[in-house]
Amino acid sequence: MALLKGKGAMTGVNLIAKVYKNGVTRDSKSQYADVQLDARDPRGPAQTDLHLKSDRIQGENGKVHYNNGAPYSTRQMEEIAKAAGPNTEPILDKAGNEVGTIYGFKGNVMPATRGTGLVVNTKSVEASEFTIDNKTLDNQFASMRAAREAQAAAKESQAQTAAVDAEQQQEQAVEVDEPTVG
């Protein structure tokens, strides 16, 4: 889940929403959307998980899955679509069929009142600073991967530094001059 900390970190955030056609609830009053912090937003590059919501779920087959969808009312989805305007891109399956839409927009986010994660305050949405294209999702995954690799490299560097410090302390302890008897 994206971590937005500090004053003003949750305002004016460039976002993308992955909305699948099959994400509509049975009563057609809500639509599930996977809203993510746009990796090109200044808050994005250090994020290892750009999703506003990310719940870990243990599958029946023992595999771990993540649920990144949060429910938005039909009216809220209309506000997001209106704010995105033409800044959209179709989501295609492997056969090339359109299964959903990616919307690029900007808005304020807040902690979810029900459930976990963050949700978009749809009263504050407007056009995004960034254009959505067919490479947007690939860039999102590449950004998260780069952030995880940087984090792993930082941990490795920290561990090496700690090992060198411990080795130097041992050497200093061995080099203590003892008084000679005589």
N, C-alpha and C. Protein backbone atom coordinates (compact mmCIF):
# COMPACT_ATOMS: atom_id res chain seq x y z
N MET A 1 0.84 -1.18 0.00
CA MET A 1 0.00 0.00 0.00
C MET A 1 0.89 1.25 0.00
N ALA A 2 0.50 2.23 -0.75
CA ALA A 2 1.26 3.48 -0.83
C ALA A 2 1.30 4.15 0.53
N LEU A 3 2.45 4.70 0.87
CA LEU A 3 2.61 5.42 2.14
C LEU A 3 2.78 6.90 1.82
N LEU A 4 1.82 7.69 2.25
CA LEU A 4 1.87 9.14 2.03
C LEU A 4 1.93 9.81 3.40
N LYS A 5 3.11 10.27 3.77
CA LYS A 5 3.30 10.86 5.10
C LYS A 5 3.77 12.29 4.97
N GLY A 6 3.41 13.10 5.95
CA GLY A 6 3.85 14.48 5.98
C GLY A 6 2.73 15.42 5.59
N LYS A 7 2.95 16.69 5.93
CA LYS A 7 1.93 17.70 5.65
C LYS A 7 1.72 17.85 4.14
N GLY A 8 0.48 17.77 3.71
CA GLY A 8 0.14 17.95 2.32
C GLY A 8 0.41 16.75 1.43
N ALA A 9 0.85 15.63 2.00
CA ALA A 9 1.19 14.45 1.19
C ALA A 9 -0.03 13.81 0.55
N MET A 10 -1.20 14.05 1.10
CA MET A 10 -2.41 13.41 0.56
C MET A 10 -3.25 14.36 -0.30
N THR A 11 -2.72 15.52 -0.62
CA THR A 11 -3.48 16.48 -1.44
C THR A 11 -2.84 16.63 -2.81
N GLY A 12 -3.68 16.78 -3.81
CA GLY A 12 -3.19 16.99 -5.17
C GLY A 12 -2.32 15.87 -5.68
N VAL A 13 -2.74 14.63 -5.44
CA VAL A 13 -1.97 13.46 -5.81
C VAL A 13 -2.36 13.01 -7.22
N ASN A 14 -1.37 12.81 -8.09
CA ASN A 14 -1.64 12.26 -9.42
C ASN A 14 -1.91 10.77 -9.27
N LEU A 15 -3.04 10.33 -9.80
CA LEU A 15 -3.50 8.96 -9.61
C LEU A 15 -3.88 8.32 -10.93
N ILE A 16 -3.89 6.99 -10.93
CA ILE A 16 -4.49 6.25 -12.03
C ILE A 16 -5.47 5.26 -11.42
N ALA A 17 -6.55 5.01 -12.12
CA ALA A 17 -7.55 4.04 -11.66
C ALA A 17 -7.71 2.97 -12.72
N LYS A 18 -7.48 1.72 -12.32
CA LYS A 18 -7.75 0.58 -13.20
C LYS A 18 -9.16 0.11 -12.88
N VAL A 19 -10.05 0.23 -13.84
CA VAL A 19 -11.46 -0.12 -13.63
C VAL A 19 -11.83 -1.20 -14.64
N TYR A 20 -12.17 -2.38 -14.12
CA TYR A 20 -12.57 -3.49 -14.97
C TYR A 20 -14.08 -3.52 -15.14
N LYS A 21 -14.52 -3.89 -16.32
CA LYS A 21 -15.96 -3.95 -16.61
C LYS A 21 -16.67 -4.93 -15.68
N ASN A 22 -16.00 -6.02 -15.29
CA ASN A 22 -16.63 -7.01 -14.42
C ASN A 22 -16.54 -6.64 -12.93
N GLY A 23 -16.10 -5.43 -12.62
CA GLY A 23 -15.97 -4.99 -11.24
C GLY A 23 -17.20 -4.31 -10.67
N VAL A 24 -18.30 -4.35 -11.41
CA VAL A 24 -19.55 -3.73 -10.96
C VAL A 24 -20.24 -4.69 -9.99
N THR A 25 -20.78 -4.15 -8.90
CA THR A 25 -21.49 -4.99 -7.93
C THR A 25 -22.82 -5.47 -8.52
N ARG A 26 -23.40 -6.50 -7.91
CA ARG A 26 -24.65 -7.08 -8.43
C ARG A 26 -25.79 -6.07 -8.48
N ASP A 27 -25.84 -5.18 -7.49
CA ASP A 27 -26.92 -4.19 -7.48
C ASP A 27 -26.61 -2.98 -8.37
N SER A 28 -25.45 -2.99 -9.01
CA SER A 28 -24.99 -1.92 -9.93
C SER A 28 -24.87 -0.55 -9.26
N LYS A 29 -24.74 -0.52 -7.93
CA LYS A 29 -24.61 0.76 -7.22
C LYS A 29 -23.14 1.12 -6.98
N SER A 30 -22.26 0.12 -7.10
CA SER A 30 -20.84 0.36 -6.85
C SER A 30 -19.99 -0.29 -7.92
N GLN A 31 -18.77 0.20 -8.02
CA GLN A 31 -17.78 -0.31 -8.97
C GLN A 31 -16.46 -0.43 -8.21
N TYR A 32 -15.79 -1.56 -8.33
CA TYR A 32 -14.48 -1.71 -7.70
C TYR A 32 -13.42 -1.13 -8.63
N ALA A 33 -12.51 -0.36 -8.06
CA ALA A 33 -11.43 0.25 -8.83
C ALA A 33 -10.11 0.07 -8.08
N ASP A 34 -9.08 -0.26 -8.82
CA ASP A 34 -7.72 -0.35 -8.28
C ASP A 34 -7.07 1.00 -8.53
N VAL A 35 -7.11 1.87 -7.52
CA VAL A 35 -6.54 3.21 -7.66
C VAL A 35 -5.10 3.17 -7.17
N GLN A 36 -4.21 3.75 -7.96
CA GLN A 36 -2.79 3.75 -7.64
C GLN A 36 -2.21 5.16 -7.73
N LEU A 37 -1.20 5.39 -6.94
CA LEU A 37 -0.41 6.61 -7.04
C LEU A 37 0.34 6.53 -8.37
N ASP A 38 0.26 7.55 -9.19
CA ASP A 38 0.98 7.56 -10.46
C ASP A 38 2.48 7.58 -10.16
N ALA A 39 3.22 6.66 -10.73
CA ALA A 39 4.66 6.55 -10.46
C ALA A 39 5.42 7.82 -10.85
N ARG A 40 4.85 8.64 -11.73
CA ARG A 40 5.51 9.87 -12.16
C ARG A 40 5.27 11.02 -11.20
N ASP A 41 4.33 10.85 -10.25
CA ASP A 41 4.10 11.86 -9.22
C ASP A 41 5.36 11.94 -8.36
N PRO A 42 5.71 13.13 -7.84
CA PRO A 42 6.92 13.24 -7.01
C PRO A 42 6.95 12.29 -5.81
N ARG A 43 5.78 11.85 -5.34
CA ARG A 43 5.71 10.93 -4.20
C ARG A 43 5.84 9.47 -4.63
N GLY A 44 5.89 9.19 -5.93
CA GLY A 44 5.85 7.83 -6.44
C GLY A 44 7.13 7.04 -6.48
N PRO A 45 8.26 7.61 -6.92
CA PRO A 45 9.45 6.80 -7.16
C PRO A 45 9.96 5.96 -5.99
N ALA A 46 9.80 6.39 -4.76
CA ALA A 46 10.32 5.62 -3.62
C ALA A 46 9.32 4.58 -3.12
N GLN A 47 8.13 4.53 -3.70
CA GLN A 47 7.08 3.63 -3.22
C GLN A 47 7.30 2.21 -3.76
N THR A 48 7.31 1.22 -2.86
CA THR A 48 7.43 -0.17 -3.28
C THR A 48 6.06 -0.74 -3.64
N ASP A 49 4.99 -0.08 -3.26
CA ASP A 49 3.63 -0.49 -3.59
C ASP A 49 2.83 0.78 -3.86
N LEU A 50 2.42 0.98 -5.09
CA LEU A 50 1.72 2.21 -5.48
C LEU A 50 0.21 2.14 -5.26
N HIS A 51 -0.32 0.98 -4.93
CA HIS A 51 -1.77 0.81 -4.74
C HIS A 51 -2.24 1.56 -3.48
N LEU A 52 -3.39 2.23 -3.57
CA LEU A 52 -3.95 2.90 -2.39
C LEU A 52 -4.50 1.89 -1.40
N LYS A 53 -4.88 0.72 -1.90
CA LYS A 53 -5.41 -0.35 -1.05
C LYS A 53 -4.73 -1.63 -1.47
N SER A 54 -4.29 -2.42 -0.51
CA SER A 54 -3.63 -3.68 -0.83
C SER A 54 -3.82 -4.63 0.34
N ASP A 55 -4.82 -5.51 0.23
CA ASP A 55 -5.09 -6.49 1.27
C ASP A 55 -4.54 -7.84 0.86
N ARG A 56 -3.78 -8.45 1.77
CA ARG A 56 -3.19 -9.77 1.52
C ARG A 56 -4.25 -10.83 1.80
N ILE A 57 -4.46 -11.74 0.85
CA ILE A 57 -5.48 -12.77 0.99
C ILE A 57 -4.84 -14.13 0.72
N GLN A 58 -5.08 -15.08 1.63
CA GLN A 58 -4.59 -16.44 1.46
C GLN A 58 -5.60 -17.19 0.59
N GLY A 59 -5.17 -17.64 -0.57
CA GLY A 59 -6.06 -18.34 -1.49
C GLY A 59 -6.31 -19.77 -1.06
N GLU A 60 -7.33 -20.39 -1.66
CA GLU A 60 -7.68 -21.77 -1.35
C GLU A 60 -6.54 -22.73 -1.71
N ASN A 61 -5.78 -22.39 -2.72
CA ASN A 61 -4.67 -23.24 -3.16
C ASN A 61 -3.39 -23.00 -2.36
N GLY A 62 -3.47 -22.15 -1.34
CA GLY A 62 -2.32 -21.86 -0.50
C GLY A 62 -1.48 -20.69 -0.98
N LYS A 63 -1.76 -20.19 -2.18
CA LYS A 63 -1.02 -19.04 -2.70
C LYS A 63 -1.56 -17.75 -2.10
N VAL A 64 -0.68 -16.78 -1.97
CA VAL A 64 -1.07 -15.47 -1.46
C VAL A 64 -1.46 -14.59 -2.63
N HIS A 65 -2.61 -13.93 -2.51
CA HIS A 65 -3.11 -13.00 -3.52
C HIS A 65 -3.30 -11.65 -2.85
N TYR A 66 -3.38 -10.61 -3.65
CA TYR A 66 -3.61 -9.27 -3.11
C TYR A 66 -4.88 -8.69 -3.72
N ASN A 67 -5.73 -8.14 -2.88
CA ASN A 67 -6.93 -7.46 -3.34
C ASN A 67 -6.64 -5.97 -3.30
N ASN A 68 -6.58 -5.35 -4.47
CA ASN A 68 -6.26 -3.92 -4.55
C ASN A 68 -7.47 -3.07 -4.87
N GLY A 69 -8.64 -3.69 -5.02
CA GLY A 69 -9.84 -2.96 -5.39
C GLY A 69 -10.58 -2.38 -4.20
N ALA A 70 -11.04 -1.16 -4.36
CA ALA A 70 -11.87 -0.49 -3.35
C ALA A 70 -13.18 -0.10 -4.02
N PRO A 71 -14.30 -0.21 -3.30
CA PRO A 71 -15.59 0.12 -3.92
C PRO A 71 -15.81 1.64 -3.98
N TYR A 72 -16.27 2.09 -5.13
CA TYR A 72 -16.66 3.48 -5.32
C TYR A 72 -18.08 3.47 -5.87
N SER A 73 -18.90 4.40 -5.43
CA SER A 73 -20.27 4.46 -5.92
C SER A 73 -20.27 4.84 -7.39
N THR A 74 -21.39 4.58 -8.05
CA THR A 74 -21.52 4.93 -9.47
C THR A 74 -21.27 6.42 -9.68
N ARG A 75 -21.78 7.25 -8.77
CA ARG A 75 -21.58 8.70 -8.87
C ARG A 75 -20.09 9.05 -8.73
N GLN A 76 -19.41 8.40 -7.79
CA GLN A 76 -17.98 8.66 -7.61
C GLN A 76 -17.18 8.25 -8.85
N MET A 77 -17.54 7.14 -9.46
CA MET A 77 -16.85 6.69 -10.68
C MET A 77 -17.11 7.67 -11.82
N GLU A 78 -18.30 8.23 -11.87
CA GLU A 78 -18.60 9.24 -12.89
C GLU A 78 -17.74 10.48 -12.70
N GLU A 79 -17.51 10.87 -11.44
CA GLU A 79 -16.65 12.03 -11.14
C GLU A 79 -15.21 11.75 -11.58
N ILE A 80 -14.72 10.55 -11.33
CA ILE A 80 -13.36 10.18 -11.73
C ILE A 80 -13.25 10.20 -13.26
N ALA A 81 -14.22 9.61 -13.94
CA ALA A 81 -14.21 9.57 -15.41
C ALA A 81 -14.28 10.98 -15.98
N LYS A 82 -15.10 11.83 -15.37
CA LYS A 82 -15.23 13.22 -15.85
C LYS A 82 -13.92 13.99 -15.65
N ALA A 83 -13.27 13.78 -14.50
CA ALA A 83 -11.99 14.46 -14.22
C ALA A 83 -10.91 13.98 -15.20
N ALA A 84 -10.91 12.69 -15.51
CA ALA A 84 -9.90 12.15 -16.43
C ALA A 84 -10.12 12.65 -17.85
N GLY A 85 -11.39 12.85 -18.20
CA GLY A 85 -11.69 13.31 -19.56
C GLY A 85 -11.16 12.33 -20.59
N PRO A 86 -10.42 12.83 -21.58
CA PRO A 86 -9.88 11.93 -22.61
C PRO A 86 -8.60 11.20 -22.17
N ASN A 87 -8.13 11.46 -20.95
CA ASN A 87 -6.89 10.86 -20.44
C ASN A 87 -7.17 9.44 -19.95
N THR A 88 -7.50 8.55 -20.90
CA THR A 88 -7.81 7.16 -20.58
C THR A 88 -7.08 6.24 -21.55
N GLU A 89 -7.04 4.99 -21.19
CA GLU A 89 -6.44 3.96 -22.04
C GLU A 89 -7.20 2.67 -21.78
N PRO A 90 -7.56 1.92 -22.82
CA PRO A 90 -8.27 0.66 -22.59
C PRO A 90 -7.35 -0.40 -21.99
N ILE A 91 -7.90 -1.27 -21.15
CA ILE A 91 -7.19 -2.43 -20.62
C ILE A 91 -7.60 -3.60 -21.50
N LEU A 92 -6.61 -4.27 -22.09
CA LEU A 92 -6.88 -5.38 -23.00
C LEU A 92 -6.44 -6.70 -22.39
N ASP A 93 -7.21 -7.76 -22.66
CA ASP A 93 -6.77 -9.08 -22.23
C ASP A 93 -5.80 -9.65 -23.27
N LYS A 94 -5.34 -10.88 -23.07
CA LYS A 94 -4.34 -11.46 -23.97
C LYS A 94 -4.86 -11.61 -25.40
N ALA A 95 -6.18 -11.75 -25.53
CA ALA A 95 -6.77 -11.90 -26.87
C ALA A 95 -7.02 -10.56 -27.55
N GLY A 96 -6.74 -9.46 -26.84
CA GLY A 96 -6.94 -8.13 -27.42
C GLY A 96 -8.32 -7.55 -27.19
N ASN A 97 -9.13 -8.21 -26.35
CA ASN A 97 -10.47 -7.70 -26.03
C ASN A 97 -10.38 -6.67 -24.92
N GLU A 98 -11.18 -5.61 -25.02
CA GLU A 98 -11.19 -4.58 -23.99
C GLU A 98 -11.94 -5.10 -22.76
N VAL A 99 -11.26 -5.12 -21.62
CA VAL A 99 -11.87 -5.63 -20.38
C VAL A 99 -12.02 -4.53 -19.32
N GLY A 100 -11.51 -3.34 -19.62
CA GLY A 100 -11.60 -2.25 -18.65
C GLY A 100 -10.95 -0.99 -19.19
N THR A 101 -10.79 -0.02 -18.28
CA THR A 101 -10.23 1.27 -18.66
C THR A 101 -9.30 1.77 -17.56
N ILE A 102 -8.22 2.43 -17.97
CA ILE A 102 -7.33 3.12 -17.04
C ILE A 102 -7.65 4.61 -17.14
N TYR A 103 -7.89 5.25 -16.00
CA TYR A 103 -8.18 6.68 -15.96
C TYR A 103 -7.00 7.39 -15.29
N GLY A 104 -6.58 8.51 -15.86
CA GLY A 104 -5.55 9.34 -15.24
C GLY A 104 -6.20 10.60 -14.70
N PHE A 105 -6.04 10.84 -13.40
CA PHE A 105 -6.65 12.01 -12.79
C PHE A 105 -5.84 12.43 -11.57
N LYS A 106 -6.25 13.51 -10.95
CA LYS A 106 -5.55 14.06 -9.79
C LYS A 106 -6.60 14.32 -8.71
N GLY A 107 -6.25 14.07 -7.47
CA GLY A 107 -7.20 14.32 -6.40
C GLY A 107 -6.57 14.18 -5.03
N ASN A 108 -7.39 14.42 -4.02
CA ASN A 108 -6.96 14.25 -2.64
C ASN A 108 -7.34 12.84 -2.19
N VAL A 109 -6.50 12.24 -1.36
CA VAL A 109 -6.82 10.93 -0.81
C VAL A 109 -6.93 11.03 0.70
N MET A 110 -7.62 10.05 1.28
CA MET A 110 -7.84 10.03 2.73
C MET A 110 -7.93 8.59 3.18
N PRO A 111 -7.71 8.34 4.48
CA PRO A 111 -7.86 6.97 4.97
C PRO A 111 -9.30 6.49 4.78
N ALA A 112 -9.45 5.22 4.44
CA ALA A 112 -10.77 4.64 4.24
C ALA A 112 -11.52 4.57 5.57
N THR A 113 -12.80 4.93 5.55
CA THR A 113 -13.60 4.83 6.78
C THR A 113 -14.01 3.39 7.04
N ARG A 114 -14.22 2.63 5.97
CA ARG A 114 -14.52 1.20 6.09
C ARG A 114 -13.42 0.44 5.39
N GLY A 115 -12.87 -0.54 6.03
CA GLY A 115 -11.81 -1.33 5.42
C GLY A 115 -10.44 -0.71 5.66
N THR A 116 -9.52 -1.05 4.77
CA THR A 116 -8.13 -0.60 4.93
C THR A 116 -7.72 0.27 3.76
N GLY A 117 -6.59 0.89 3.91
CA GLY A 117 -6.00 1.65 2.82
C GLY A 117 -6.49 3.08 2.74
N LEU A 118 -6.29 3.65 1.55
CA LEU A 118 -6.67 5.03 1.27
C LEU A 118 -7.73 5.03 0.17
N VAL A 119 -8.56 6.05 0.16
CA VAL A 119 -9.56 6.21 -0.89
C VAL A 119 -9.48 7.63 -1.44
N VAL A 120 -10.02 7.81 -2.62
CA VAL A 120 -10.03 9.12 -3.28
C VAL A 120 -11.23 9.92 -2.79
N ASN A 121 -10.99 11.18 -2.45
CA ASN A 121 -12.09 12.10 -2.16
C ASN A 121 -12.54 12.62 -3.52
N THR A 122 -13.64 12.05 -4.04
CA THR A 122 -14.06 12.38 -5.41
C THR A 122 -14.61 13.78 -5.55
N LYS A 123 -14.77 14.51 -4.45
CA LYS A 123 -15.20 15.91 -4.53
C LYS A 123 -14.04 16.81 -4.93
N SER A 124 -12.81 16.25 -4.93
CA SER A 124 -11.62 17.06 -5.20
C SER A 124 -10.90 16.66 -6.48
N VAL A 125 -11.51 15.83 -7.33
CA VAL A 125 -10.78 15.32 -8.50
C VAL A 125 -10.71 16.34 -9.64
N GLU A 126 -9.60 16.26 -10.38
CA GLU A 126 -9.38 17.14 -11.53
C GLU A 126 -8.46 16.41 -12.51
N ALA A 127 -8.12 17.05 -13.60
CA ALA A 127 -7.27 16.45 -14.62
C ALA A 127 -5.86 16.19 -14.08
N SER A 128 -5.26 15.10 -14.51
CA SER A 128 -3.91 14.73 -14.10
C SER A 128 -2.87 15.58 -14.81
N GLU A 129 -1.69 15.66 -14.22
CA GLU A 129 -0.56 16.35 -14.85
C GLU A 129 0.12 15.46 -15.88
N PHE A 130 -0.20 14.15 -15.87
CA PHE A 130 0.47 13.18 -16.72
C PHE A 130 -0.51 12.51 -17.68
N THR A 131 -0.03 12.19 -18.86
CA THR A 131 -0.85 11.54 -19.88
C THR A 131 -0.77 10.02 -19.72
N ILE A 132 -1.92 9.37 -19.80
CA ILE A 132 -1.99 7.91 -19.73
C ILE A 132 -1.79 7.37 -21.14
N ASP A 133 -0.95 6.33 -21.26
CA ASP A 133 -0.76 5.68 -22.55
C ASP A 133 -0.65 4.18 -22.35
N ASN A 134 -0.34 3.44 -23.43
CA ASN A 134 -0.30 1.98 -23.31
C ASN A 134 0.91 1.48 -22.53
N LYS A 135 1.83 2.33 -22.14
CA LYS A 135 3.00 1.96 -21.34
C LYS A 135 2.83 2.31 -19.86
N THR A 136 1.74 2.94 -19.49
CA THR A 136 1.55 3.42 -18.12
C THR A 136 1.64 2.29 -17.10
N LEU A 137 0.91 1.19 -17.32
CA LEU A 137 0.94 0.09 -16.36
C LEU A 137 2.32 -0.54 -16.27
N ASP A 138 3.00 -0.69 -17.40
CA ASP A 138 4.37 -1.23 -17.39
C ASP A 138 5.28 -0.32 -16.56
N ASN A 139 5.12 1.00 -16.71
CA ASN A 139 5.92 1.95 -15.94
C ASN A 139 5.61 1.85 -14.45
N GLN A 140 4.34 1.59 -14.11
CA GLN A 140 3.96 1.44 -12.70
C GLN A 140 4.72 0.27 -12.08
N PHE A 141 4.69 -0.89 -12.77
CA PHE A 141 5.37 -2.09 -12.26
C PHE A 141 6.88 -1.88 -12.21
N ALA A 142 7.45 -1.23 -13.22
CA ALA A 142 8.89 -0.97 -13.25
C ALA A 142 9.30 -0.07 -12.09
N SER A 143 8.49 0.93 -11.78
CA SER A 143 8.79 1.83 -10.67
C SER A 143 8.77 1.10 -9.33
N MET A 144 7.76 0.24 -9.13
CA MET A 144 7.69 -0.53 -7.87
C MET A 144 8.87 -1.48 -7.76
N ARG A 145 9.24 -2.13 -8.86
CA ARG A 145 10.38 -3.05 -8.86
C ARG A 145 11.67 -2.30 -8.53
N ALA A 146 11.88 -1.14 -9.15
CA ALA A 146 13.08 -0.34 -8.90
C ALA A 146 13.15 0.11 -7.43
N ALA A 147 12.00 0.48 -6.87
CA ALA A 147 11.97 0.91 -5.46
C ALA A 147 12.30 -0.26 -4.54
N ARG A 148 11.78 -1.47 -4.86
CA ARG A 148 12.09 -2.65 -4.03
C ARG A 148 13.57 -2.99 -4.12
N GLU A 149 14.13 -2.90 -5.33
CA GLU A 149 15.56 -3.20 -5.51
C GLU A 149 16.43 -2.18 -4.77
N ALA A 150 16.04 -0.91 -4.81
CA ALA A 150 16.79 0.14 -4.10
C ALA A 150 16.72 -0.09 -2.60
N GLN A 151 15.54 -0.50 -2.13
CA GLN A 151 15.36 -0.76 -0.70
C GLN A 151 16.22 -1.97 -0.28
N ALA A 152 16.24 -3.01 -1.10
CA ALA A 152 17.06 -4.20 -0.80
C ALA A 152 18.55 -3.84 -0.81
N ALA A 153 18.97 -3.01 -1.77
CA ALA A 153 20.37 -2.58 -1.84
C ALA A 153 20.74 -1.76 -0.61
N ALA A 154 19.82 -0.92 -0.14
CA ALA A 154 20.08 -0.11 1.05
C ALA A 154 20.23 -1.00 2.28
N LYS A 155 19.38 -2.02 2.40
CA LYS A 155 19.48 -2.95 3.53
C LYS A 155 20.80 -3.71 3.47
N GLU A 156 21.18 -4.16 2.27
CA GLU A 156 22.44 -4.88 2.08
C GLU A 156 23.62 -4.00 2.48
N SER A 157 23.58 -2.74 2.05
CA SER A 157 24.64 -1.79 2.38
C SER A 157 24.72 -1.56 3.88
N GLN A 158 23.55 -1.45 4.52
CA GLN A 158 23.49 -1.28 5.97
C GLN A 158 24.10 -2.48 6.68
N ALA A 159 23.78 -3.68 6.22
CA ALA A 159 24.29 -4.90 6.83
C ALA A 159 25.81 -4.98 6.67
N GLN A 160 26.32 -4.61 5.49
CA GLN A 160 27.76 -4.62 5.25
C GLN A 160 28.47 -3.60 6.14
N THR A 161 27.88 -2.42 6.26
CA THR A 161 28.46 -1.38 7.12
C THR A 161 28.51 -1.85 8.57
N ALA A 162 27.44 -2.49 9.02
CA ALA A 162 27.39 -2.99 10.40
C ALA A 162 28.45 -4.07 10.61
N ALA A 163 28.66 -4.95 9.62
CA ALA A 163 29.67 -6.00 9.73
C ALA A 163 31.07 -5.40 9.78
N VAL A 164 31.35 -4.40 8.96
CA VAL A 164 32.66 -3.74 8.95
C VAL A 164 32.89 -3.04 10.29
N ASP A 165 31.87 -2.35 10.82
CA ASP A 165 32.00 -1.68 12.12
C ASP A 165 32.30 -2.69 13.22
N ALA A 166 31.63 -3.83 13.21
CA ALA A 166 31.85 -4.85 14.24
C ALA A 166 33.26 -5.40 14.12
N GLU A 167 33.74 -5.61 12.89
CA GLU A 167 35.09 -6.11 12.67
C GLU A 167 36.14 -5.12 13.17
N GLN A 168 35.91 -3.82 12.91
CA GLN A 168 36.84 -2.79 13.36
C GLN A 168 36.87 -2.72 14.89
N GLN A 169 35.72 -2.87 15.52
CA GLN A 169 35.67 -2.85 16.99
C GLN A 169 36.44 -4.04 17.57
N GLN A 170 36.33 -5.21 16.92
CA GLN A 170 37.08 -6.38 17.39
C GLN A 170 38.58 -6.15 17.26
N GLU A 171 39.01 -5.57 16.13
CA GLU A 171 40.42 -5.30 15.93
C GLU A 171 40.95 -4.32 16.97
N GLN A 172 40.15 -3.31 17.29
CA GLN A 172 40.56 -2.33 18.29
C GLN A 172 40.69 -2.99 19.66
N ALA A 173 39.80 -3.91 19.96
CA ALA A 173 39.86 -4.60 21.25
C ALA A 173 41.11 -5.46 21.35
N VAL A 174 41.55 -6.05 20.25
CA VAL A 174 42.73 -6.90 20.24
C VAL A 174 44.00 -6.08 20.37
N GLU A 175 44.02 -4.88 19.85
CA GLU A 175 45.23 -4.06 19.83
C GLU A 175 45.50 -3.30 21.12
N VAL A 176 44.82 -3.59 22.17
CA VAL A 176 45.01 -2.88 23.43
C VAL A 176 46.40 -3.25 24.00
N ASP A 177 47.20 -2.24 24.30
CA ASP A 177 48.51 -2.48 24.88
C ASP A 177 48.35 -2.81 26.35
N GLU A 178 48.94 -3.93 26.74
CA GLU A 178 48.88 -4.30 28.14
C GLU A 178 50.20 -3.89 28.79
N PRO A 179 50.11 -3.46 30.04
CA PRO A 179 51.37 -3.06 30.71
C PRO A 179 52.30 -4.25 30.89
N THR A 180 53.59 -4.00 30.73
CA THR A 180 54.55 -5.09 30.90
C THR A 180 54.96 -5.16 32.36
N VAL A 181 55.21 -6.36 32.79
CA VAL A 181 55.61 -6.57 34.18
C VAL A 181 57.14 -6.60 34.21
N GLY A 182 57.71 -5.85 35.08
CA GLY A 182 59.12 -6.00 35.11
C GLY A 182 59.81 -5.04 35.89
